[in-house]
N, C-alpha and C. Protein backbone atom coordinates (compact mmCIF):
# COMPACT_ATOMS: atom_id res chain seq x y z
N MET A 1 93.64 106.35 108.88
CA MET A 1 94.40 107.47 109.38
C MET A 1 93.88 108.73 108.68
N LYS A 2 93.60 109.74 109.48
CA LYS A 2 93.04 110.98 108.96
C LYS A 2 94.13 112.02 108.78
N SER A 3 94.07 112.75 107.71
CA SER A 3 94.98 113.87 107.50
C SER A 3 94.58 115.00 108.43
N ARG A 4 95.57 115.75 108.90
CA ARG A 4 95.30 116.88 109.79
C ARG A 4 94.42 117.94 109.12
N GLU A 5 94.47 118.00 107.81
CA GLU A 5 93.70 119.01 107.09
C GLU A 5 92.29 118.55 106.74
N SER A 6 91.99 117.27 106.89
CA SER A 6 90.69 116.75 106.47
C SER A 6 89.57 117.28 107.37
N SER A 7 88.38 117.39 106.80
CA SER A 7 87.23 117.85 107.58
C SER A 7 86.89 116.85 108.68
N GLU A 8 87.17 115.58 108.44
CA GLU A 8 86.91 114.55 109.45
C GLU A 8 87.83 114.77 110.66
N PHE A 9 89.11 115.09 110.41
CA PHE A 9 90.03 115.37 111.51
C PHE A 9 89.64 116.66 112.21
N ARG A 10 89.23 117.67 111.46
CA ARG A 10 88.84 118.95 112.05
C ARG A 10 87.62 118.81 112.95
N LYS A 11 86.82 117.78 112.74
CA LYS A 11 85.72 117.53 113.67
C LYS A 11 86.25 117.09 115.03
N LEU A 12 87.38 116.38 115.02
CA LEU A 12 88.00 115.95 116.27
C LEU A 12 88.74 117.10 116.93
N ASN A 13 89.44 117.89 116.12
CA ASN A 13 90.20 119.03 116.63
C ASN A 13 90.07 120.18 115.65
N PRO A 14 89.20 121.13 115.92
CA PRO A 14 88.96 122.24 115.01
C PRO A 14 90.21 123.04 114.66
N VAL A 15 91.22 123.04 115.52
CA VAL A 15 92.46 123.76 115.24
C VAL A 15 93.30 123.01 114.20
N GLY A 16 93.11 121.71 114.12
CA GLY A 16 93.85 120.90 113.16
C GLY A 16 95.23 120.48 113.63
N HIS A 17 95.50 120.58 114.91
CA HIS A 17 96.79 120.17 115.45
C HIS A 17 96.72 118.75 115.97
N VAL A 18 97.87 118.12 116.06
CA VAL A 18 97.98 116.84 116.74
C VAL A 18 98.65 117.11 118.08
N PRO A 19 98.44 116.30 119.06
CA PRO A 19 97.76 115.02 119.01
C PRO A 19 96.27 115.15 119.30
N VAL A 20 95.57 114.09 118.99
CA VAL A 20 94.17 113.92 119.38
C VAL A 20 94.05 112.49 119.89
N LEU A 21 93.42 112.35 121.04
CA LEU A 21 93.16 111.03 121.60
C LEU A 21 91.66 110.79 121.55
N VAL A 22 91.26 109.67 120.95
CA VAL A 22 89.87 109.24 120.94
C VAL A 22 89.83 107.97 121.77
N ASP A 23 89.12 108.04 122.90
CA ASP A 23 88.99 106.91 123.81
C ASP A 23 87.51 106.69 124.04
N GLY A 24 86.92 105.86 123.21
CA GLY A 24 85.46 105.66 123.27
C GLY A 24 84.77 106.94 122.87
N ASP A 25 83.95 107.48 123.79
CA ASP A 25 83.23 108.73 123.51
C ASP A 25 84.03 109.97 123.88
N VAL A 26 85.18 109.77 124.47
CA VAL A 26 86.01 110.89 124.92
C VAL A 26 86.97 111.28 123.80
N VAL A 27 86.96 112.57 123.44
CA VAL A 27 87.89 113.11 122.44
C VAL A 27 88.66 114.24 123.10
N ILE A 28 89.99 114.11 123.10
CA ILE A 28 90.85 115.11 123.75
C ILE A 28 91.88 115.55 122.73
N SER A 29 92.02 116.87 122.57
CA SER A 29 92.91 117.37 121.53
C SER A 29 93.93 118.37 122.06
N ASP A 30 94.55 118.03 123.16
CA ASP A 30 95.59 118.87 123.74
C ASP A 30 96.56 117.95 124.48
N SER A 31 97.86 118.13 124.26
CA SER A 31 98.85 117.25 124.87
C SER A 31 98.71 117.18 126.39
N PHE A 32 98.64 118.33 127.02
CA PHE A 32 98.57 118.35 128.48
C PHE A 32 97.29 117.66 128.96
N ALA A 33 96.17 117.97 128.34
CA ALA A 33 94.90 117.35 128.73
C ALA A 33 94.93 115.84 128.51
N ILE A 34 95.54 115.40 127.42
CA ILE A 34 95.65 113.96 127.14
C ILE A 34 96.47 113.28 128.23
N ILE A 35 97.60 113.87 128.55
CA ILE A 35 98.47 113.27 129.57
C ILE A 35 97.76 113.22 130.93
N MET A 36 97.07 114.29 131.29
CA MET A 36 96.37 114.28 132.58
C MET A 36 95.21 113.29 132.58
N TYR A 37 94.53 113.15 131.45
CA TYR A 37 93.48 112.15 131.33
C TYR A 37 94.05 110.74 131.54
N LEU A 38 95.16 110.46 130.87
CA LEU A 38 95.80 109.15 131.01
C LEU A 38 96.31 108.93 132.43
N GLU A 39 96.79 110.00 133.06
CA GLU A 39 97.25 109.93 134.46
C GLU A 39 96.10 109.49 135.36
N GLU A 40 94.93 110.04 135.14
CA GLU A 40 93.76 109.70 135.96
C GLU A 40 93.23 108.30 135.62
N LYS A 41 93.24 107.98 134.35
CA LYS A 41 92.67 106.69 133.93
C LYS A 41 93.58 105.51 134.28
N TYR A 42 94.88 105.72 134.23
CA TYR A 42 95.85 104.65 134.48
C TYR A 42 96.82 105.07 135.58
N PRO A 43 96.39 105.05 136.83
CA PRO A 43 97.23 105.54 137.93
C PRO A 43 98.32 104.57 138.38
N GLN A 44 98.47 103.42 137.71
CA GLN A 44 99.43 102.41 138.17
C GLN A 44 100.87 102.95 138.19
N HIS A 45 101.25 103.75 137.23
CA HIS A 45 102.58 104.38 137.24
C HIS A 45 102.36 105.90 137.13
N PRO A 46 102.30 106.56 138.25
CA PRO A 46 101.98 107.99 138.25
C PRO A 46 103.01 108.83 137.49
N LEU A 47 102.51 109.81 136.79
CA LEU A 47 103.37 110.75 136.06
C LEU A 47 103.70 111.98 136.90
N LEU A 48 103.12 112.04 138.08
CA LEU A 48 103.41 113.15 138.99
C LEU A 48 103.96 112.59 140.30
N PRO A 49 105.05 113.15 140.76
CA PRO A 49 105.63 112.67 142.02
C PRO A 49 104.75 113.04 143.20
N ASN A 50 104.91 112.33 144.31
CA ASN A 50 104.16 112.63 145.53
C ASN A 50 104.61 113.94 146.17
N ASP A 51 105.90 114.23 146.09
CA ASP A 51 106.45 115.44 146.68
C ASP A 51 105.87 116.68 145.98
N LEU A 52 105.24 117.57 146.76
CA LEU A 52 104.56 118.73 146.19
C LEU A 52 105.51 119.65 145.43
N GLN A 53 106.68 119.91 145.97
CA GLN A 53 107.62 120.81 145.29
C GLN A 53 108.08 120.19 143.97
N GLN A 54 108.38 118.92 143.98
CA GLN A 54 108.80 118.23 142.75
C GLN A 54 107.64 118.22 141.74
N ARG A 55 106.43 118.07 142.23
CA ARG A 55 105.24 118.07 141.37
C ARG A 55 105.09 119.43 140.68
N VAL A 56 105.29 120.51 141.44
CA VAL A 56 105.18 121.86 140.88
C VAL A 56 106.25 122.10 139.81
N ILE A 57 107.45 121.58 140.01
CA ILE A 57 108.50 121.71 139.01
C ILE A 57 108.08 121.01 137.72
N ASN A 58 107.42 119.87 137.84
CA ASN A 58 106.91 119.18 136.66
C ASN A 58 105.89 120.03 135.92
N TYR A 59 104.98 120.64 136.68
CA TYR A 59 103.99 121.51 136.03
C TYR A 59 104.67 122.70 135.33
N GLN A 60 105.65 123.28 136.00
CA GLN A 60 106.35 124.43 135.41
C GLN A 60 107.09 124.04 134.13
N ALA A 61 107.77 122.90 134.15
CA ALA A 61 108.48 122.45 132.95
C ALA A 61 107.50 122.21 131.80
N ALA A 62 106.38 121.58 132.10
CA ALA A 62 105.36 121.35 131.06
C ALA A 62 104.82 122.68 130.53
N SER A 63 104.65 123.64 131.39
CA SER A 63 104.15 124.95 130.97
C SER A 63 105.16 125.69 130.10
N ILE A 64 106.44 125.64 130.46
CA ILE A 64 107.47 126.29 129.63
C ILE A 64 107.46 125.69 128.23
N VAL A 65 107.39 124.37 128.16
CA VAL A 65 107.36 123.73 126.85
C VAL A 65 106.10 124.13 126.09
N SER A 66 104.96 124.04 126.75
CA SER A 66 103.68 124.29 126.08
C SER A 66 103.51 125.73 125.60
N SER A 67 104.07 126.67 126.35
CA SER A 67 103.82 128.07 125.99
C SER A 67 105.01 128.76 125.34
N SER A 68 106.23 128.31 125.61
CA SER A 68 107.40 129.06 125.16
C SER A 68 108.26 128.35 124.12
N ILE A 69 108.06 127.06 123.93
CA ILE A 69 108.90 126.32 123.00
C ILE A 69 108.07 125.69 121.88
N GLN A 70 107.19 124.81 122.23
CA GLN A 70 106.47 124.00 121.26
C GLN A 70 105.69 124.80 120.23
N PRO A 71 105.00 125.86 120.60
CA PRO A 71 104.23 126.57 119.58
C PRO A 71 105.06 127.04 118.38
N PHE A 72 106.31 127.37 118.60
CA PHE A 72 107.14 127.85 117.50
C PHE A 72 107.60 126.74 116.57
N GLN A 73 107.41 125.49 117.00
CA GLN A 73 107.78 124.36 116.16
C GLN A 73 106.64 123.93 115.24
N ASN A 74 105.45 124.45 115.47
CA ASN A 74 104.30 124.08 114.63
C ASN A 74 104.51 124.55 113.20
N MET A 75 104.15 123.69 112.26
CA MET A 75 104.32 124.03 110.85
C MET A 75 103.52 125.26 110.45
N GLN A 76 102.34 125.44 111.04
CA GLN A 76 101.54 126.63 110.70
C GLN A 76 102.26 127.90 111.11
N ILE A 77 102.90 127.90 112.25
CA ILE A 77 103.64 129.07 112.73
C ILE A 77 104.84 129.32 111.82
N GLN A 78 105.55 128.26 111.47
CA GLN A 78 106.70 128.40 110.60
C GLN A 78 106.30 128.95 109.23
N LYS A 79 105.18 128.48 108.73
CA LYS A 79 104.69 128.97 107.43
C LYS A 79 104.38 130.47 107.54
N TYR A 80 103.73 130.86 108.61
CA TYR A 80 103.39 132.26 108.82
C TYR A 80 104.65 133.13 108.90
N ILE A 81 105.64 132.68 109.67
CA ILE A 81 106.90 133.42 109.79
C ILE A 81 107.53 133.56 108.41
N GLY A 82 107.54 132.47 107.65
CA GLY A 82 108.10 132.51 106.30
C GLY A 82 107.41 133.50 105.40
N GLU A 83 106.10 133.59 105.51
CA GLU A 83 105.33 134.51 104.66
C GLU A 83 105.45 135.95 105.12
N LYS A 84 105.40 136.19 106.42
CA LYS A 84 105.37 137.55 106.94
C LYS A 84 106.75 138.15 107.19
N VAL A 85 107.70 137.33 107.57
CA VAL A 85 109.03 137.83 107.90
C VAL A 85 110.02 137.50 106.79
N GLY A 86 109.92 136.29 106.25
CA GLY A 86 110.80 135.86 105.18
C GLY A 86 111.17 134.41 105.36
N PRO A 87 111.29 133.68 104.25
CA PRO A 87 111.56 132.24 104.33
C PRO A 87 112.89 131.90 105.02
N ASP A 88 113.86 132.79 104.90
CA ASP A 88 115.15 132.53 105.54
C ASP A 88 115.13 132.78 107.04
N GLU A 89 114.04 133.31 107.56
CA GLU A 89 113.94 133.62 108.99
C GLU A 89 113.26 132.53 109.81
N LYS A 90 112.65 131.56 109.14
CA LYS A 90 111.91 130.53 109.88
C LYS A 90 112.80 129.81 110.90
N ILE A 91 113.89 129.23 110.45
CA ILE A 91 114.75 128.44 111.35
C ILE A 91 115.38 129.31 112.43
N PRO A 92 115.99 130.46 112.10
CA PRO A 92 116.55 131.29 113.17
C PRO A 92 115.50 131.74 114.19
N TRP A 93 114.31 132.04 113.73
CA TRP A 93 113.22 132.46 114.62
C TRP A 93 112.90 131.33 115.61
N VAL A 94 112.73 130.12 115.07
CA VAL A 94 112.41 128.98 115.91
C VAL A 94 113.57 128.67 116.86
N GLN A 95 114.80 128.67 116.34
CA GLN A 95 115.97 128.41 117.19
C GLN A 95 116.04 129.40 118.35
N HIS A 96 115.75 130.66 118.07
CA HIS A 96 115.79 131.69 119.12
C HIS A 96 114.81 131.36 120.25
N HIS A 97 113.58 131.02 119.89
CA HIS A 97 112.57 130.76 120.91
C HIS A 97 112.81 129.44 121.63
N ILE A 98 113.29 128.43 120.92
CA ILE A 98 113.64 127.18 121.59
C ILE A 98 114.78 127.46 122.58
N GLY A 99 115.78 128.22 122.14
CA GLY A 99 116.90 128.56 123.02
C GLY A 99 116.46 129.28 124.28
N ASN A 100 115.54 130.22 124.15
CA ASN A 100 115.01 130.91 125.33
C ASN A 100 114.32 129.94 126.27
N GLY A 101 113.51 129.06 125.72
CA GLY A 101 112.82 128.07 126.54
C GLY A 101 113.79 127.08 127.18
N PHE A 102 114.79 126.66 126.43
CA PHE A 102 115.77 125.73 126.97
C PHE A 102 116.58 126.38 128.09
N THR A 103 116.90 127.65 127.94
CA THR A 103 117.60 128.37 129.00
C THR A 103 116.77 128.36 130.28
N ALA A 104 115.48 128.60 130.15
CA ALA A 104 114.58 128.58 131.30
C ALA A 104 114.51 127.18 131.91
N LEU A 105 114.43 126.15 131.07
CA LEU A 105 114.38 124.78 131.59
C LEU A 105 115.67 124.40 132.31
N GLU A 106 116.80 124.80 131.76
CA GLU A 106 118.09 124.51 132.42
C GLU A 106 118.09 125.09 133.83
N LYS A 107 117.62 126.33 133.97
CA LYS A 107 117.60 126.97 135.29
C LYS A 107 116.59 126.29 136.21
N LEU A 108 115.41 126.02 135.70
CA LEU A 108 114.36 125.40 136.50
C LEU A 108 114.76 124.02 137.01
N LEU A 109 115.31 123.21 136.13
CA LEU A 109 115.58 121.81 136.47
C LEU A 109 116.92 121.59 137.16
N ASN A 110 117.76 122.59 137.19
CA ASN A 110 119.12 122.45 137.70
C ASN A 110 119.18 121.80 139.09
N ASP A 111 118.35 122.21 140.00
CA ASP A 111 118.39 121.69 141.37
C ASP A 111 117.51 120.47 141.59
N TYR A 112 116.80 120.02 140.57
CA TYR A 112 115.83 118.94 140.74
C TYR A 112 116.12 117.71 139.90
N SER A 113 116.94 117.87 138.87
CA SER A 113 117.15 116.75 137.97
C SER A 113 117.98 115.66 138.63
N GLY A 114 117.73 114.45 138.15
CA GLY A 114 118.52 113.28 138.50
C GLY A 114 118.86 112.65 137.17
N LYS A 115 118.56 111.40 137.04
CA LYS A 115 118.74 110.76 135.73
C LYS A 115 117.80 111.41 134.70
N TYR A 116 116.63 111.84 135.20
CA TYR A 116 115.64 112.47 134.33
C TYR A 116 115.37 113.89 134.83
N ALA A 117 114.39 114.53 134.27
CA ALA A 117 114.19 115.97 134.49
C ALA A 117 114.00 116.35 135.96
N THR A 118 113.22 115.55 136.70
CA THR A 118 112.95 115.92 138.10
C THR A 118 113.25 114.78 139.06
N GLY A 119 114.23 113.98 138.74
CA GLY A 119 114.62 112.90 139.62
C GLY A 119 115.07 111.69 138.84
N ASP A 120 114.98 110.54 139.47
CA ASP A 120 115.46 109.31 138.86
C ASP A 120 114.35 108.45 138.27
N GLU A 121 113.15 109.02 138.21
CA GLU A 121 112.02 108.36 137.55
C GLU A 121 111.48 109.29 136.48
N VAL A 122 110.86 108.70 135.47
CA VAL A 122 110.22 109.49 134.41
C VAL A 122 108.92 110.05 134.96
N PHE A 123 108.78 111.36 134.81
CA PHE A 123 107.56 112.03 135.24
C PHE A 123 107.05 112.93 134.11
N LEU A 124 106.03 113.68 134.42
CA LEU A 124 105.37 114.57 133.47
C LEU A 124 106.35 115.46 132.71
N ALA A 125 107.27 116.09 133.40
CA ALA A 125 108.22 116.99 132.76
C ALA A 125 108.97 116.30 131.63
N ASP A 126 109.34 115.05 131.83
CA ASP A 126 110.08 114.31 130.81
C ASP A 126 109.26 114.12 129.54
N LEU A 127 107.96 113.91 129.71
CA LEU A 127 107.09 113.71 128.55
C LEU A 127 107.00 114.97 127.70
N PHE A 128 107.19 116.11 128.31
CA PHE A 128 107.17 117.37 127.58
C PHE A 128 108.56 117.74 127.05
N VAL A 129 109.59 117.51 127.85
CA VAL A 129 110.94 117.93 127.50
C VAL A 129 111.54 117.07 126.40
N ALA A 130 111.40 115.76 126.48
CA ALA A 130 112.05 114.85 125.54
C ALA A 130 111.74 115.17 124.08
N PRO A 131 110.47 115.32 123.69
CA PRO A 131 110.21 115.59 122.27
C PRO A 131 110.71 116.96 121.81
N GLN A 132 110.79 117.91 122.73
CA GLN A 132 111.28 119.24 122.34
C GLN A 132 112.78 119.20 122.06
N ILE A 133 113.52 118.45 122.87
CA ILE A 133 114.95 118.30 122.61
C ILE A 133 115.15 117.59 121.27
N HIS A 134 114.40 116.53 121.07
CA HIS A 134 114.50 115.77 119.82
C HIS A 134 114.22 116.67 118.61
N GLY A 135 113.15 117.44 118.69
CA GLY A 135 112.81 118.34 117.58
C GLY A 135 113.85 119.43 117.38
N ALA A 136 114.35 119.98 118.48
CA ALA A 136 115.35 121.04 118.39
C ALA A 136 116.60 120.55 117.66
N ILE A 137 117.00 119.33 117.96
CA ILE A 137 118.20 118.77 117.35
C ILE A 137 117.93 118.32 115.92
N ASN A 138 116.88 117.56 115.71
CA ASN A 138 116.65 116.91 114.43
C ASN A 138 115.93 117.75 113.39
N ARG A 139 115.07 118.63 113.82
CA ARG A 139 114.33 119.47 112.85
C ARG A 139 114.95 120.84 112.68
N PHE A 140 115.55 121.37 113.77
CA PHE A 140 115.99 122.76 113.74
C PHE A 140 117.49 122.94 113.96
N ASN A 141 118.21 121.82 114.00
CA ASN A 141 119.68 121.85 114.11
C ASN A 141 120.18 122.78 115.20
N LEU A 142 119.52 122.77 116.34
CA LEU A 142 119.93 123.63 117.44
C LEU A 142 121.22 123.10 118.06
N ASN A 143 122.18 123.97 118.26
CA ASN A 143 123.43 123.62 118.91
C ASN A 143 123.16 123.47 120.40
N MET A 144 123.36 122.28 120.92
CA MET A 144 123.00 121.97 122.30
C MET A 144 124.14 122.22 123.29
N THR A 145 125.26 122.76 122.84
CA THR A 145 126.39 122.97 123.76
C THR A 145 126.04 123.92 124.90
N GLU A 146 125.11 124.83 124.69
CA GLU A 146 124.69 125.76 125.75
C GLU A 146 123.78 125.10 126.78
N PHE A 147 123.36 123.87 126.52
CA PHE A 147 122.36 123.22 127.35
C PHE A 147 122.85 121.85 127.83
N PRO A 148 123.85 121.84 128.72
CA PRO A 148 124.41 120.56 129.16
C PRO A 148 123.43 119.66 129.91
N LEU A 149 122.57 120.25 130.72
CA LEU A 149 121.61 119.44 131.46
C LEU A 149 120.63 118.78 130.49
N LEU A 150 120.10 119.55 129.55
CA LEU A 150 119.15 119.00 128.58
C LEU A 150 119.83 117.97 127.68
N SER A 151 121.09 118.19 127.35
CA SER A 151 121.83 117.21 126.54
C SER A 151 121.98 115.90 127.30
N ARG A 152 122.26 115.99 128.59
CA ARG A 152 122.38 114.79 129.42
C ARG A 152 121.03 114.08 129.50
N LEU A 153 119.96 114.84 129.68
CA LEU A 153 118.63 114.23 129.72
C LEU A 153 118.32 113.54 128.40
N ASN A 154 118.68 114.17 127.30
CA ASN A 154 118.43 113.58 125.99
C ASN A 154 119.11 112.21 125.87
N GLU A 155 120.33 112.10 126.36
CA GLU A 155 121.02 110.81 126.34
C GLU A 155 120.25 109.77 127.16
N ALA A 156 119.74 110.18 128.31
CA ALA A 156 118.96 109.26 129.14
C ALA A 156 117.67 108.85 128.45
N TYR A 157 117.01 109.78 127.79
CA TYR A 157 115.77 109.46 127.07
C TYR A 157 116.03 108.48 125.94
N GLN A 158 117.17 108.63 125.29
CA GLN A 158 117.48 107.75 124.16
C GLN A 158 117.69 106.31 124.59
N GLU A 159 117.90 106.08 125.86
CA GLU A 159 118.04 104.72 126.38
C GLU A 159 116.69 104.06 126.66
N LEU A 160 115.62 104.83 126.62
CA LEU A 160 114.29 104.31 126.95
C LEU A 160 113.55 103.90 125.69
N PRO A 161 113.28 102.60 125.51
CA PRO A 161 112.58 102.15 124.30
C PRO A 161 111.23 102.85 124.09
N ALA A 162 110.49 103.10 125.15
CA ALA A 162 109.18 103.76 124.99
C ALA A 162 109.35 105.16 124.40
N PHE A 163 110.37 105.88 124.80
CA PHE A 163 110.60 107.22 124.27
C PHE A 163 111.02 107.14 122.81
N GLN A 164 111.87 106.20 122.48
CA GLN A 164 112.32 106.06 121.10
C GLN A 164 111.17 105.64 120.20
N ASP A 165 110.30 104.76 120.67
CA ASP A 165 109.15 104.33 119.87
C ASP A 165 108.15 105.46 119.65
N ALA A 166 108.17 106.47 120.52
CA ALA A 166 107.21 107.57 120.42
C ALA A 166 107.71 108.72 119.54
N MET A 167 108.93 108.66 119.05
CA MET A 167 109.48 109.76 118.26
C MET A 167 108.67 109.97 116.97
N PRO A 168 108.55 111.22 116.55
CA PRO A 168 107.71 111.54 115.40
C PRO A 168 108.02 110.72 114.14
N GLU A 169 109.28 110.52 113.85
CA GLU A 169 109.63 109.81 112.61
C GLU A 169 109.19 108.35 112.62
N LYS A 170 108.79 107.85 113.78
CA LYS A 170 108.31 106.47 113.86
C LYS A 170 106.79 106.39 113.80
N GLN A 171 106.12 107.54 113.68
CA GLN A 171 104.67 107.57 113.66
C GLN A 171 104.17 107.61 112.21
N PRO A 172 103.17 106.80 111.89
CA PRO A 172 102.71 106.72 110.50
C PRO A 172 102.07 108.01 109.99
N ASP A 173 101.61 108.90 110.89
CA ASP A 173 100.95 110.13 110.44
C ASP A 173 101.87 111.33 110.45
N THR A 174 103.17 111.13 110.66
CA THR A 174 104.11 112.26 110.65
C THR A 174 104.30 112.70 109.21
N PRO A 175 104.18 114.00 108.94
CA PRO A 175 104.42 114.48 107.58
C PRO A 175 105.83 114.13 107.12
N LEU A 176 105.99 113.84 105.84
CA LEU A 176 107.27 113.40 105.30
C LEU A 176 108.39 114.38 105.57
N GLN A 177 108.13 115.70 105.56
CA GLN A 177 109.19 116.68 105.79
C GLN A 177 109.74 116.62 107.20
N GLU A 178 109.03 115.97 108.12
CA GLU A 178 109.53 115.84 109.49
C GLU A 178 110.25 114.52 109.70
N ARG A 179 110.18 113.61 108.75
CA ARG A 179 110.85 112.32 108.88
C ARG A 179 112.26 112.45 108.32
N ARG A 180 113.22 111.93 109.04
CA ARG A 180 114.60 111.97 108.56
C ARG A 180 115.25 110.64 108.75
């Protein structure tokens, strides 16, 4: 197992972020790219619905997470906020941006959700939304009362063994400060 800071890991991903997927000669260091690669390589259970409108909602949910929520949860960003703004501002700063993203997701998914984000099957949006809800609750103590749809989705995700097995605290390379 390589440390994110090691030069060996930086050869795989110069930014030093996780995840990184190494599949033979293929090295992919972006969540969205990894998921799309796996979608193409293993089409037996598609992560994108056939319905075009539902598919677009999945892309939009993944984009909201990737651009408006997840970046603020990165330890490097939190460290920077702590240094430039103040150590007491890290959590409120992150909570603010997660809240903005969650508000957008609640509106986007309102007319499309079923048991999961965009229906009654797990799709791409769920792969992006589930870990953000988990992180918001467990790492940043976000009050979820403003987000009833996302809270309901979180309960559904917690029933799925694959989602629970994928949580950060169950991964051997998760930094100790993220394990609870």
